[in-house]
């Protein structure tokens, strides 16, 4: 079970790092920046994966009524808030505001989806 958890966390870490890197490239350094080295990208991805595994399930349960009433759109705000939380924890990750964090959350989610589809085909 621990091996499964570790594999799952490492996968989330890698996908989160890749997603943040892609988002920073698309949004530009004035809106979202993960630093200049792969170490900072991996650090930001680590904290995002950690927050997503530890806090996101609790926040989804607590905000379930808002998610239902908004037909799931509140998840975009929740994902943006989690990216802002990582920005506050890991100061190397720069996020301009909640709007940029929401867009970054969408990009990270799309990267996660694409990587998952590619991994299914392997």
PDB file of N, CA and C in Angstrom:
ATOM      1  N   UNK A   1       0.820  -1.185   0.000  1.00  0.00           N
ATOM      2  CA  UNK A   1       0.000   0.000   0.000  1.00  0.00           C
ATOM      3  C   UNK A   1       0.873   1.260   0.000  1.00  0.00           C
ATOM      4  N   UNK A   2       1.955   1.245   0.762  1.00  0.00           N
ATOM      5  CA  UNK A   2       2.864   2.388   0.794  1.00  0.00           C
ATOM      6  C   UNK A   2       3.518   2.595  -0.566  1.00  0.00           C
ATOM      7  N   UNK A   3       3.829   1.473  -1.245  1.00  0.00           N
ATOM      8  CA  UNK A   3       4.434   1.571  -2.570  1.00  0.00           C
ATOM      9  C   UNK A   3       3.459   2.232  -3.548  1.00  0.00           C
ATOM     10  N   UNK A   4       2.184   1.864  -3.459  1.00  0.00           N
ATOM     11  CA  UNK A   4       1.160   2.459  -4.319  1.00  0.00           C
ATOM     12  C   UNK A   4       1.021   3.958  -4.042  1.00  0.00           C
ATOM     13  N   UNK A   5       1.024   4.341  -2.774  1.00  0.00           N
ATOM     14  CA  UNK A   5       0.920   5.748  -2.392  1.00  0.00           C
ATOM     15  C   UNK A   5       2.116   6.535  -2.916  1.00  0.00           C
ATOM     16  N   UNK A   6       3.313   5.968  -2.757  1.00  0.00           N
ATOM     17  CA  UNK A   6       4.523   6.653  -3.214  1.00  0.00           C
ATOM     18  C   UNK A   6       4.511   6.829  -4.734  1.00  0.00           C
ATOM     19  N   UNK A   7       4.104   5.802  -5.450  1.00  0.00           N
ATOM     20  CA  UNK A   7       4.038   5.886  -6.904  1.00  0.00           C
ATOM     21  C   UNK A   7       3.015   6.931  -7.335  1.00  0.00           C
ATOM     22  N   UNK A   8       1.895   6.946  -6.668  1.00  0.00           N
ATOM     23  CA  UNK A   8       0.849   7.919  -6.984  1.00  0.00           C
ATOM     24  C   UNK A   8       1.314   9.349  -6.693  1.00  0.00           C
ATOM     25  N   UNK A   9       1.989   9.529  -5.568  1.00  0.00           N
ATOM     26  CA  UNK A   9       2.480  10.861  -5.234  1.00  0.00           C
ATOM     27  C   UNK A   9       3.551  11.321  -6.217  1.00  0.00           C
ATOM     28  N   UNK A  10       4.473  10.435  -6.569  1.00  0.00           N
ATOM     29  CA  UNK A  10       5.528  10.809  -7.522  1.00  0.00           C
ATOM     30  C   UNK A  10       4.944  11.170  -8.884  1.00  0.00           C
ATOM     31  N   UNK A  11       3.906  10.443  -9.295  1.00  0.00           N
ATOM     32  CA  UNK A  11       3.242  10.762 -10.556  1.00  0.00           C
ATOM     33  C   UNK A  11       2.580  12.117 -10.488  1.00  0.00           C
ATOM     34  N   UNK A  12       1.863  12.386  -9.395  1.00  0.00           N
ATOM     35  CA  UNK A  12       1.227  13.700  -9.226  1.00  0.00           C
ATOM     36  C   UNK A  12       2.263  14.808  -9.171  1.00  0.00           C
ATOM     37  N   UNK A  13       3.370  14.539  -8.520  1.00  0.00           N
ATOM     38  CA  UNK A  13       4.442  15.521  -8.422  1.00  0.00           C
ATOM     39  C   UNK A  13       4.954  15.875  -9.819  1.00  0.00           C
ATOM     40  N   UNK A  14       5.244  14.857 -10.614  1.00  0.00           N
ATOM     41  CA  UNK A  14       5.751  15.098 -11.964  1.00  0.00           C
ATOM     42  C   UNK A  14       4.751  15.826 -12.842  1.00  0.00           C
ATOM     43  N   UNK A  15       3.492  15.411 -12.785  1.00  0.00           N
ATOM     44  CA  UNK A  15       2.461  16.042 -13.606  1.00  0.00           C
ATOM     45  C   UNK A  15       2.198  17.478 -13.135  1.00  0.00           C
ATOM     46  N   UNK A  16       2.201  17.700 -11.831  1.00  0.00           N
ATOM     47  CA  UNK A  16       2.010  19.053 -11.306  1.00  0.00           C
ATOM     48  C   UNK A  16       3.160  19.964 -11.736  1.00  0.00           C
ATOM     49  N   UNK A  17       4.375  19.459 -11.682  1.00  0.00           N
ATOM     50  CA  UNK A  17       5.532  20.241 -12.113  1.00  0.00           C
ATOM     51  C   UNK A  17       5.433  20.585 -13.591  1.00  0.00           C
ATOM     52  N   UNK A  18       5.087  19.586 -14.392  1.00  0.00           N
ATOM     53  CA  UNK A  18       4.948  19.812 -15.829  1.00  0.00           C
ATOM     54  C   UNK A  18       3.835  20.814 -16.113  1.00  0.00           C
ATOM     55  N   UNK A  19       2.713  20.676 -15.426  1.00  0.00           N
ATOM     56  CA  UNK A  19       1.595  21.585 -15.628  1.00  0.00           C
ATOM     57  C   UNK A  19       1.933  23.021 -15.254  1.00  0.00           C
ATOM     58  N   UNK A  20       2.616  23.209 -14.138  1.00  0.00           N
ATOM     59  CA  UNK A  20       3.023  24.555 -13.737  1.00  0.00           C
ATOM     60  C   UNK A  20       4.026  25.147 -14.719  1.00  0.00           C
ATOM     61  N   UNK A  21       4.917  24.319 -15.219  1.00  0.00           N
ATOM     62  CA  UNK A  21       5.914  24.783 -16.193  1.00  0.00           C
ATOM     63  C   UNK A  21       5.225  25.232 -17.482  1.00  0.00           C
ATOM     64  N   UNK A  22       4.265  24.436 -17.960  1.00  0.00           N
ATOM     65  CA  UNK A  22       3.517  24.797 -19.172  1.00  0.00           C
ATOM     66  C   UNK A  22       2.709  26.068 -18.926  1.00  0.00           C
ATOM     67  N   UNK A  23       2.044  26.146 -17.770  1.00  0.00           N
ATOM     68  CA  UNK A  23       1.246  27.326 -17.445  1.00  0.00           C
ATOM     69  C   UNK A  23       2.114  28.582 -17.384  1.00  0.00           C
ATOM     70  N   UNK A  24       3.292  28.464 -16.799  1.00  0.00           N
ATOM     71  CA  UNK A  24       4.165  29.642 -16.721  1.00  0.00           C
ATOM     72  C   UNK A  24       4.639  30.057 -18.112  1.00  0.00           C
ATOM     73  N   UNK A  25       4.856  29.091 -18.984  1.00  0.00           N
ATOM     74  CA  UNK A  25       5.243  29.421 -20.351  1.00  0.00           C
ATOM     75  C   UNK A  25       4.125  30.087 -21.119  1.00  0.00           C
ATOM     76  N   UNK A  26       2.891  29.640 -20.917  1.00  0.00           N
ATOM     77  CA  UNK A  26       1.754  30.215 -21.631  1.00  0.00           C
ATOM     78  C   UNK A  26       1.327  31.570 -21.067  1.00  0.00           C
ATOM     79  N   UNK A  27       1.378  31.714 -19.761  1.00  0.00           N
ATOM     80  CA  UNK A  27       0.898  32.943 -19.126  1.00  0.00           C
ATOM     81  C   UNK A  27       1.956  34.035 -19.048  1.00  0.00           C
ATOM     82  N   UNK A  28       3.206  33.664 -19.094  1.00  0.00           N
ATOM     83  CA  UNK A  28       4.281  34.645 -19.041  1.00  0.00           C
ATOM     84  C   UNK A  28       4.737  34.926 -17.623  1.00  0.00           C
ATOM     85  N   UNK A  29       5.984  35.343 -17.477  1.00  0.00           N
ATOM     86  CA  UNK A  29       6.568  35.531 -16.142  1.00  0.00           C
ATOM     87  C   UNK A  29       5.968  36.694 -15.355  1.00  0.00           C
ATOM     88  N   UNK A  30       5.283  37.619 -16.032  1.00  0.00           N
ATOM     89  CA  UNK A  30       4.662  38.709 -15.288  1.00  0.00           C
ATOM     90  C   UNK A  30       3.374  38.277 -14.591  1.00  0.00           C
ATOM     91  N   UNK A  31       2.789  37.143 -15.009  1.00  0.00           N
ATOM     92  CA  UNK A  31       1.574  36.627 -14.367  1.00  0.00           C
ATOM     93  C   UNK A  31       1.835  35.398 -13.520  1.00  0.00           C
ATOM     94  N   UNK A  32       2.675  34.476 -14.026  1.00  0.00           N
ATOM     95  CA  UNK A  32       2.974  33.228 -13.314  1.00  0.00           C
ATOM     96  C   UNK A  32       4.415  32.847 -13.602  1.00  0.00           C
ATOM     97  N   UNK A  33       5.167  32.637 -12.558  1.00  0.00           N
ATOM     98  CA  UNK A  33       6.571  32.267 -12.709  1.00  0.00           C
ATOM     99  C   UNK A  33       6.921  31.188 -11.699  1.00  0.00           C
ATOM    100  N   UNK A  34       7.616  30.166 -12.167  1.00  0.00           N
ATOM    101  CA  UNK A  34       8.060  29.096 -11.277  1.00  0.00           C
ATOM    102  C   UNK A  34       9.565  29.128 -11.057  1.00  0.00           C
ATOM    103  N   UNK A  35      10.204  30.200 -11.442  1.00  0.00           N
ATOM    104  CA  UNK A  35      11.645  30.315 -11.262  1.00  0.00           C
ATOM    105  C   UNK A  35      12.384  29.989 -12.539  1.00  0.00           C
ATOM    106  N   UNK A  36      13.695  29.932 -12.417  1.00  0.00           N
ATOM    107  CA  UNK A  36      14.536  29.762 -13.602  1.00  0.00           C
ATOM    108  C   UNK A  36      15.132  28.379 -13.753  1.00  0.00           C
ATOM    109  N   UNK A  37      15.028  27.532 -12.747  1.00  0.00           N
ATOM    110  CA  UNK A  37      15.677  26.222 -12.813  1.00  0.00           C
ATOM    111  C   UNK A  37      14.646  25.114 -12.631  1.00  0.00           C
ATOM    112  N   UNK A  38      15.075  23.907 -13.008  1.00  0.00           N
ATOM    113  CA  UNK A  38      14.199  22.750 -12.825  1.00  0.00           C
ATOM    114  C   UNK A  38      13.978  22.448 -11.349  1.00  0.00           C
ATOM    115  N   UNK A  39      14.921  22.837 -10.523  1.00  0.00           N
ATOM    116  CA  UNK A  39      14.765  22.604  -9.082  1.00  0.00           C
ATOM    117  C   UNK A  39      13.577  23.399  -8.553  1.00  0.00           C
ATOM    118  N   UNK A  40      13.435  24.644  -8.985  1.00  0.00           N
ATOM    119  CA  UNK A  40      12.306  25.447  -8.519  1.00  0.00           C
ATOM    120  C   UNK A  40      10.988  24.950  -9.095  1.00  0.00           C
ATOM    121  N   UNK A  41      11.013  24.481 -10.343  1.00  0.00           N
ATOM    122  CA  UNK A  41       9.804  23.907 -10.945  1.00  0.00           C
ATOM    123  C   UNK A  41       9.388  22.656 -10.180  1.00  0.00           C
ATOM    124  N   UNK A  42      10.359  21.801  -9.876  1.00  0.00           N
ATOM    125  CA  UNK A  42      10.051  20.585  -9.118  1.00  0.00           C
ATOM    126  C   UNK A  42       9.595  20.901  -7.699  1.00  0.00           C
ATOM    127  N   UNK A  43      10.159  21.952  -7.105  1.00  0.00           N
ATOM    128  CA  UNK A  43       9.727  22.367  -5.775  1.00  0.00           C
ATOM    129  C   UNK A  43       8.289  22.834  -5.769  1.00  0.00           C
ATOM    130  N   UNK A  44       7.925  23.647  -6.753  1.00  0.00           N
ATOM    131  CA  UNK A  44       6.546  24.119  -6.858  1.00  0.00           C
ATOM    132  C   UNK A  44       5.602  22.953  -7.129  1.00  0.00           C
ATOM    133  N   UNK A  45       6.019  22.043  -7.987  1.00  0.00           N
ATOM    134  CA  UNK A  45       5.202  20.856  -8.270  1.00  0.00           C
ATOM    135  C   UNK A  45       5.037  19.969  -7.054  1.00  0.00           C
ATOM    136  N   UNK A  46       6.086  19.864  -6.251  1.00  0.00           N
ATOM    137  CA  UNK A  46       6.015  19.073  -5.021  1.00  0.00           C
ATOM    138  C   UNK A  46       4.954  19.634  -4.081  1.00  0.00           C
ATOM    139  N   UNK A  47       5.009  20.940  -3.850  1.00  0.00           N
ATOM    140  CA  UNK A  47       4.044  21.540  -2.935  1.00  0.00           C
ATOM    141  C   UNK A  47       2.623  21.489  -3.493  1.00  0.00           C
ATOM    142  N   UNK A  48       2.472  21.636  -4.811  1.00  0.00           N
ATOM    143  CA  UNK A  48       1.140  21.536  -5.399  1.00  0.00           C
ATOM    144  C   UNK A  48       0.593  20.114  -5.263  1.00  0.00           C
ATOM    145  N   UNK A  49       1.431  19.129  -5.505  1.00  0.00           N
ATOM    146  CA  UNK A  49       0.991  17.738  -5.343  1.00  0.00           C
ATOM    147  C   UNK A  49       0.648  17.441  -3.890  1.00  0.00           C
ATOM    148  N   UNK A  50       1.446  17.947  -2.978  1.00  0.00           N
ATOM    149  CA  UNK A  50       1.195  17.743  -1.546  1.00  0.00           C
ATOM    150  C   UNK A  50      -0.125  18.381  -1.120  1.00  0.00           C
ATOM    151  N   UNK A  51      -0.360  19.609  -1.541  1.00  0.00           N
ATOM    152  CA  UNK A  51      -1.603  20.306  -1.200  1.00  0.00           C
ATOM    153  C   UNK A  51      -2.802  19.595  -1.836  1.00  0.00           C
ATOM    154  N   UNK A  52      -2.652  19.160  -3.085  1.00  0.00           N
ATOM    155  CA  UNK A  52      -3.753  18.471  -3.754  1.00  0.00           C
ATOM    156  C   UNK A  52      -4.092  17.137  -3.091  1.00  0.00           C
ATOM    157  N   UNK A  53      -3.096  16.441  -2.601  1.00  0.00           N
ATOM    158  CA  UNK A  53      -3.370  15.150  -1.958  1.00  0.00           C
ATOM    159  C   UNK A  53      -3.860  15.310  -0.523  1.00  0.00           C
ATOM    160  N   UNK A  54      -3.403  16.341   0.171  1.00  0.00           N
ATOM    161  CA  UNK A  54      -3.744  16.482   1.586  1.00  0.00           C
ATOM    162  C   UNK A  54      -4.998  17.332   1.805  1.00  0.00           C
ATOM    163  N   UNK A  55      -5.076  18.480   1.155  1.00  0.00           N
ATOM    164  CA  UNK A  55      -6.159  19.421   1.437  1.00  0.00           C
ATOM    165  C   UNK A  55      -7.337  19.354   0.475  1.00  0.00           C
ATOM    166  N   UNK A  56      -7.082  19.048  -0.780  1.00  0.00           N
ATOM    167  CA  UNK A  56      -8.150  19.125  -1.772  1.00  0.00           C
ATOM    168  C   UNK A  56      -9.343  18.231  -1.442  1.00  0.00           C
ATOM    169  N   UNK A  57      -9.149  16.983  -1.024  1.00  0.00           N
ATOM    170  CA  UNK A  57     -10.333  16.167  -0.696  1.00  0.00           C
ATOM    171  C   UNK A  57     -11.186  16.773   0.420  1.00  0.00           C
ATOM    172  N   UNK A  58     -10.548  17.342   1.418  1.00  0.00           N
ATOM    173  CA  UNK A  58     -11.286  17.969   2.523  1.00  0.00           C
ATOM    174  C   UNK A  58     -12.040  19.197   2.023  1.00  0.00           C
ATOM    175  N   UNK A  59     -11.375  20.023   1.212  1.00  0.00           N
ATOM    176  CA  UNK A  59     -12.017  21.228   0.694  1.00  0.00           C
ATOM    177  C   UNK A  59     -13.157  20.903  -0.262  1.00  0.00           C
ATOM    178  N   UNK A  60     -13.026  19.829  -1.017  1.00  0.00           N
ATOM    179  CA  UNK A  60     -14.109  19.425  -1.923  1.00  0.00           C
ATOM    180  C   UNK A  60     -15.336  19.012  -1.108  1.00  0.00           C
ATOM    181  N   UNK A  61     -15.120  18.268  -0.042  1.00  0.00           N
ATOM    182  CA  UNK A  61     -16.244  17.860   0.808  1.00  0.00           C
ATOM    183  C   UNK A  61     -16.893  19.079   1.457  1.00  0.00           C
ATOM    184  N   UNK A  62     -16.090  19.989   1.972  1.00  0.00           N
ATOM    185  CA  UNK A  62     -16.639  21.176   2.627  1.00  0.00           C
ATOM    186  C   UNK A  62     -17.373  22.107   1.652  1.00  0.00           C
ATOM    187  N   UNK A  63     -16.907  22.159   0.421  1.00  0.00           N
ATOM    188  CA  UNK A  63     -17.521  23.056  -0.555  1.00  0.00           C
ATOM    189  C   UNK A  63     -18.474  22.328  -1.505  1.00  0.00           C
ATOM    190  N   UNK A  64     -18.871  21.130  -1.150  1.00  0.00           N
ATOM    191  CA  UNK A  64     -19.737  20.332  -2.019  1.00  0.00           C
ATOM    192  C   UNK A  64     -21.023  21.060  -2.425  1.00  0.00           C
ATOM    193  N   UNK A  65     -21.722  21.742  -1.494  1.00  0.00           N
ATOM    194  CA  UNK A  65     -22.926  22.475  -1.924  1.00  0.00           C
ATOM    195  C   UNK A  65     -22.634  23.533  -2.998  1.00  0.00           C
ATOM    196  N   UNK A  66     -21.539  24.257  -2.860  1.00  0.00           N
ATOM    197  CA  UNK A  66     -21.181  25.265  -3.861  1.00  0.00           C
ATOM    198  C   UNK A  66     -20.829  24.609  -5.195  1.00  0.00           C
ATOM    199  N   UNK A  67     -20.193  23.454  -5.142  1.00  0.00           N
ATOM    200  CA  UNK A  67     -19.845  22.735  -6.372  1.00  0.00           C
ATOM    201  C   UNK A  67     -21.112  22.277  -7.087  1.00  0.00           C
ATOM    202  N   UNK A  68     -22.065  21.750  -6.328  1.00  0.00           N
ATOM    203  CA  UNK A  68     -23.321  21.289  -6.924  1.00  0.00           C
ATOM    204  C   UNK A  68     -24.109  22.467  -7.501  1.00  0.00           C
ATOM    205  N   UNK A  69     -24.250  23.544  -6.732  1.00  0.00           N
ATOM    206  CA  UNK A  69     -25.023  24.701  -7.194  1.00  0.00           C
ATOM    207  C   UNK A  69     -24.414  25.367  -8.422  1.00  0.00           C
ATOM    208  N   UNK A  70     -23.095  25.317  -8.544  1.00  0.00           N
ATOM    209  CA  UNK A  70     -22.434  25.939  -9.694  1.00  0.00           C
ATOM    210  C   UNK A  70     -22.200  24.945 -10.835  1.00  0.00           C
ATOM    211  N   UNK A  71     -22.751  23.741 -10.692  1.00  0.00           N
ATOM    212  CA  UNK A  71     -22.578  22.683 -11.693  1.00  0.00           C
ATOM    213  C   UNK A  71     -21.099  22.354 -11.932  1.00  0.00           C
ATOM    214  N   UNK A  72     -20.331  22.404 -10.878  1.00  0.00           N
ATOM    215  CA  UNK A  72     -18.927  22.032 -10.939  1.00  0.00           C
ATOM    216  C   UNK A  72     -17.958  23.166 -11.200  1.00  0.00           C
ATOM    217  N   UNK A  73     -18.459  24.330 -11.565  1.00  0.00           N
ATOM    218  CA  UNK A  73     -17.567  25.447 -11.885  1.00  0.00           C
ATOM    219  C   UNK A  73     -16.808  25.958 -10.667  1.00  0.00           C
ATOM    220  N   UNK A  74     -17.338  25.723  -9.476  1.00  0.00           N
ATOM    221  CA  UNK A  74     -16.635  26.152  -8.273  1.00  0.00           C
ATOM    222  C   UNK A  74     -15.305  25.410  -8.122  1.00  0.00           C
ATOM    223  N   UNK A  75     -15.172  24.258  -8.751  1.00  0.00           N
ATOM    224  CA  UNK A  75     -13.894  23.526  -8.715  1.00  0.00           C
ATOM    225  C   UNK A  75     -12.776  24.350  -9.335  1.00  0.00           C
ATOM    226  N   UNK A  76     -13.094  25.172 -10.324  1.00  0.00           N
ATOM    227  CA  UNK A  76     -12.074  26.035 -10.929  1.00  0.00           C
ATOM    228  C   UNK A  76     -11.538  27.024  -9.901  1.00  0.00           C
ATOM    229  N   UNK A  77     -12.445  27.602  -9.122  1.00  0.00           N
ATOM    230  CA  UNK A  77     -12.032  28.537  -8.070  1.00  0.00           C
ATOM    231  C   UNK A  77     -11.242  27.808  -6.996  1.00  0.00           C
ATOM    232  N   UNK A  78     -11.678  26.604  -6.643  1.00  0.00           N
ATOM    233  CA  UNK A  78     -10.972  25.811  -5.636  1.00  0.00           C
ATOM    234  C   UNK A  78      -9.557  25.474  -6.105  1.00  0.00           C
ATOM    235  N   UNK A  79      -9.416  25.063  -7.359  1.00  0.00           N
ATOM    236  CA  UNK A  79      -8.083  24.770  -7.897  1.00  0.00           C
ATOM    237  C   UNK A  79      -7.209  26.024  -7.921  1.00  0.00           C
ATOM    238  N   UNK A  80      -7.797  27.163  -8.286  1.00  0.00           N
ATOM    239  CA  UNK A  80      -7.051  28.420  -8.263  1.00  0.00           C
ATOM    240  C   UNK A  80      -6.618  28.780  -6.859  1.00  0.00           C
ATOM    241  N   UNK A  81      -7.509  28.584  -5.886  1.00  0.00           N
ATOM    242  CA  UNK A  81      -7.160  28.861  -4.493  1.00  0.00           C
ATOM    243  C   UNK A  81      -6.004  27.971  -4.037  1.00  0.00           C
ATOM    244  N   UNK A  82      -5.991  26.710  -4.441  1.00  0.00           N
ATOM    245  CA  UNK A  82      -4.899  25.811  -4.046  1.00  0.00           C
ATOM    246  C   UNK A  82      -3.575  26.247  -4.662  1.00  0.00           C
ATOM    247  N   UNK A  83      -3.609  26.748  -5.884  1.00  0.00           N
ATOM    248  CA  UNK A  83      -2.376  27.259  -6.494  1.00  0.00           C
ATOM    249  C   UNK A  83      -1.913  28.519  -5.763  1.00  0.00           C
ATOM    250  N   UNK A  84      -2.854  29.382  -5.359  1.00  0.00           N
ATOM    251  CA  UNK A  84      -2.477  30.544  -4.554  1.00  0.00           C
ATOM    252  C   UNK A  84      -1.900  30.130  -3.204  1.00  0.00           C
ATOM    253  N   UNK A  85      -2.440  29.075  -2.618  1.00  0.00           N
ATOM    254  CA  UNK A  85      -1.919  28.560  -1.354  1.00  0.00           C
ATOM    255  C   UNK A  85      -0.473  28.106  -1.520  1.00  0.00           C
ATOM    256  N   UNK A  86      -0.186  27.428  -2.623  1.00  0.00           N
ATOM    257  CA  UNK A  86       1.195  27.009  -2.888  1.00  0.00           C
ATOM    258  C   UNK A  86       2.080  28.237  -3.085  1.00  0.00           C
ATOM    259  N   UNK A  87       1.554  29.270  -3.723  1.00  0.00           N
ATOM    260  CA  UNK A  87       2.296  30.529  -3.889  1.00  0.00           C
ATOM    261  C   UNK A  87       2.665  31.108  -2.520  1.00  0.00           C
ATOM    262  N   UNK A  88       1.760  31.042  -1.555  1.00  0.00           N
ATOM    263  CA  UNK A  88       2.047  31.570  -0.219  1.00  0.00           C
ATOM    264  C   UNK A  88       3.030  30.690   0.541  1.00  0.00           C
ATOM    265  N   UNK A  89       2.967  29.368   0.302  1.00  0.00           N
ATOM    266  CA  UNK A  89       3.873  28.435   0.992  1.00  0.00           C
ATOM    267  C   UNK A  89       5.269  28.481   0.367  1.00  0.00           C
ATOM    268  N   UNK A  90       5.325  28.471  -0.946  1.00  0.00           N
ATOM    269  CA  UNK A  90       6.579  28.372  -1.695  1.00  0.00           C
ATOM    270  C   UNK A  90       6.769  29.683  -2.454  1.00  0.00           C
ATOM    271  N   UNK A  91       7.500  30.597  -1.873  1.00  0.00           N
ATOM    272  CA  UNK A  91       7.591  31.960  -2.400  1.00  0.00           C
ATOM    273  C   UNK A  91       8.262  32.046  -3.776  1.00  0.00           C
ATOM    274  N   UNK A  92       8.951  31.011  -4.201  1.00  0.00           N
ATOM    275  CA  UNK A  92       9.560  31.019  -5.528  1.00  0.00           C
ATOM    276  C   UNK A  92       8.500  30.986  -6.621  1.00  0.00           C
ATOM    277  N   UNK A  93       7.358  30.377  -6.323  1.00  0.00           N
ATOM    278  CA  UNK A  93       6.235  30.381  -7.258  1.00  0.00           C
ATOM    279  C   UNK A  93       5.532  31.727  -7.148  1.00  0.00           C
ATOM    280  N   UNK A  94       5.494  32.467  -8.258  1.00  0.00           N
ATOM    281  CA  UNK A  94       4.843  33.769  -8.280  1.00  0.00           C
ATOM    282  C   UNK A  94       3.538  33.654  -9.054  1.00  0.00           C
ATOM    283  N   UNK A  95       2.444  34.043  -8.417  1.00  0.00           N
ATOM    284  CA  UNK A  95       1.134  34.091  -9.055  1.00  0.00           C
ATOM    285  C   UNK A  95       0.586  35.491  -8.836  1.00  0.00           C
ATOM    286  N   UNK A  96       0.202  36.167  -9.909  1.00  0.00           N
ATOM    287  CA  UNK A  96      -0.211  37.568  -9.822  1.00  0.00           C
ATOM    288  C   UNK A  96      -1.491  37.750  -9.006  1.00  0.00           C
ATOM    289  N   UNK A  97      -2.523  36.922  -9.278  1.00  0.00           N
ATOM    290  CA  UNK A  97      -3.798  37.062  -8.573  1.00  0.00           C
ATOM    291  C   UNK A  97      -4.630  35.790  -8.730  1.00  0.00           C
ATOM    292  N   UNK A  98      -5.835  35.805  -8.170  1.00  0.00           N
ATOM    293  CA  UNK A  98      -6.696  34.622  -8.218  1.00  0.00           C
ATOM    294  C   UNK A  98      -7.105  34.281  -9.646  1.00  0.00           C
ATOM    295  N   UNK A  99      -7.337  35.275 -10.478  1.00  0.00           N
ATOM    296  CA  UNK A  99      -7.697  35.009 -11.870  1.00  0.00           C
ATOM    297  C   UNK A  99      -6.615  34.237 -12.607  1.00  0.00           C
ATOM    298  N   UNK A 100      -5.389  34.638 -12.419  1.00  0.00           N
ATOM    299  CA  UNK A 100      -4.254  33.927 -13.032  1.00  0.00           C
ATOM    300  C   UNK A 100      -4.150  32.523 -12.443  1.00  0.00           C
ATOM    301  N   UNK A 101      -4.383  32.402 -11.135  1.00  0.00           N
ATOM    302  CA  UNK A 101      -4.326  31.086 -10.494  1.00  0.00           C
ATOM    303  C   UNK A 101      -5.405  30.159 -11.037  1.00  0.00           C
ATOM    304  N   UNK A 102      -6.590  30.693 -11.322  1.00  0.00           N
ATOM    305  CA  UNK A 102      -7.662  29.873 -11.893  1.00  0.00           C
ATOM    306  C   UNK A 102      -7.279  29.405 -13.289  1.00  0.00           C
ATOM    307  N   UNK A 103      -6.740  30.301 -14.104  1.00  0.00           N
ATOM    308  CA  UNK A 103      -6.300  29.917 -15.450  1.00  0.00           C
ATOM    309  C   UNK A 103      -5.176  28.883 -15.360  1.00  0.00           C
ATOM    310  N   UNK A 104      -4.245  29.079 -14.431  1.00  0.00           N
ATOM    311  CA  UNK A 104      -3.166  28.105 -14.238  1.00  0.00           C
ATOM    312  C   UNK A 104      -3.737  26.763 -13.806  1.00  0.00           C
ATOM    313  N   UNK A 105      -4.757  26.774 -12.957  1.00  0.00           N
ATOM    314  CA  UNK A 105      -5.398  25.527 -12.539  1.00  0.00           C
ATOM    315  C   UNK A 105      -6.030  24.791 -13.713  1.00  0.00           C
ATOM    316  N   UNK A 106      -6.624  25.546 -14.635  1.00  0.00           N
ATOM    317  CA  UNK A 106      -7.199  24.934 -15.836  1.00  0.00           C
ATOM    318  C   UNK A 106      -6.093  24.303 -16.677  1.00  0.00           C
ATOM    319  N   UNK A 107      -4.992  25.012 -16.840  1.00  0.00           N
ATOM    320  CA  UNK A 107      -3.877  24.487 -17.645  1.00  0.00           C
ATOM    321  C   UNK A 107      -3.279  23.245 -16.990  1.00  0.00           C
ATOM    322  N   UNK A 108      -3.057  23.287 -15.676  1.00  0.00           N
ATOM    323  CA  UNK A 108      -2.514  22.124 -14.963  1.00  0.00           C
ATOM    324  C   UNK A 108      -3.481  20.946 -15.094  1.00  0.00           C
ATOM    325  N   UNK A 109      -4.779  21.211 -15.001  1.00  0.00           N
ATOM    326  CA  UNK A 109      -5.772  20.150 -15.166  1.00  0.00           C
ATOM    327  C   UNK A 109      -5.746  19.548 -16.564  1.00  0.00           C
ATOM    328  N   UNK A 110      -5.596  20.392 -17.587  1.00  0.00           N
ATOM    329  CA  UNK A 110      -5.512  19.881 -18.959  1.00  0.00           C
ATOM    330  C   UNK A 110      -4.252  19.048 -19.174  1.00  0.00           C
ATOM    331  N   UNK A 111      -3.137  19.502 -18.619  1.00  0.00           N
ATOM    332  CA  UNK A 111      -1.898  18.726 -18.722  1.00  0.00           C
ATOM    333  C   UNK A 111      -2.070  17.386 -18.013  1.00  0.00           C
ATOM    334  N   UNK A 112      -2.695  17.397 -16.843  1.00  0.00           N
ATOM    335  CA  UNK A 112      -2.957  16.163 -16.105  1.00  0.00           C
ATOM    336  C   UNK A 112      -3.821  15.215 -16.941  1.00  0.00           C
ATOM    337  N   UNK A 113      -4.856  15.748 -17.573  1.00  0.00           N
ATOM    338  CA  UNK A 113      -5.735  14.939 -18.418  1.00  0.00           C
ATOM    339  C   UNK A 113      -4.963  14.324 -19.583  1.00  0.00           C
ATOM    340  N   UNK A 114      -4.158  15.144 -20.263  1.00  0.00           N
ATOM    341  CA  UNK A 114      -3.405  14.650 -21.422  1.00  0.00           C
ATOM    342  C   UNK A 114      -2.379  13.592 -21.017  1.00  0.00           C
ATOM    343  N   UNK A 115      -1.680  13.811 -19.910  1.00  0.00           N
ATOM    344  CA  UNK A 115      -0.702  12.823 -19.449  1.00  0.00           C
ATOM    345  C   UNK A 115      -1.412  11.528 -19.069  1.00  0.00           C
ATOM    346  N   UNK A 116      -2.568  11.626 -18.426  1.00  0.00           N
ATOM    347  CA  UNK A 116      -3.332  10.436 -18.049  1.00  0.00           C
ATOM    348  C   UNK A 116      -3.752   9.648 -19.291  1.00  0.00           C
ATOM    349  N   UNK A 117      -4.196  10.335 -20.328  1.00  0.00           N
ATOM    350  CA  UNK A 117      -4.590   9.658 -21.558  1.00  0.00           C
ATOM    351  C   UNK A 117      -3.404   8.981 -22.239  1.00  0.00           C
ATOM    352  N   UNK A 118      -2.267   9.648 -22.233  1.00  0.00           N
ATOM    353  CA  UNK A 118      -1.065   9.057 -22.837  1.00  0.00           C
ATOM    354  C   UNK A 118      -0.631   7.829 -22.034  1.00  0.00           C
ATOM    355  N   UNK A 119      -0.704   7.917 -20.701  1.00  0.00           N
ATOM    356  CA  UNK A 119      -0.284   6.802 -19.853  1.00  0.00           C
ATOM    357  C   UNK A 119      -1.226   5.602 -20.004  1.00  0.00           C
ATOM    358  N   UNK A 120      -2.516   5.843 -20.294  1.00  0.00           N
ATOM    359  CA  UNK A 120      -3.452   4.750 -20.517  1.00  0.00           C
ATOM    360  C   UNK A 120      -3.076   3.977 -21.777  1.00  0.00           C
ATOM    361  N   UNK A 121      -2.582   4.661 -22.795  1.00  0.00           N
ATOM    362  CA  UNK A 121      -2.257   4.039 -24.058  1.00  0.00           C
ATOM    363  C   UNK A 121      -0.971   3.228 -23.994  1.00  0.00           C
ATOM    364  N   UNK A 122      -0.150   3.466 -22.979  1.00  0.00           N
ATOM    365  CA  UNK A 122       1.134   2.750 -22.885  1.00  0.00           C
ATOM    366  C   UNK A 122       0.915   1.399 -22.262  1.00  0.00           C
TER     367      UNK A 122
END
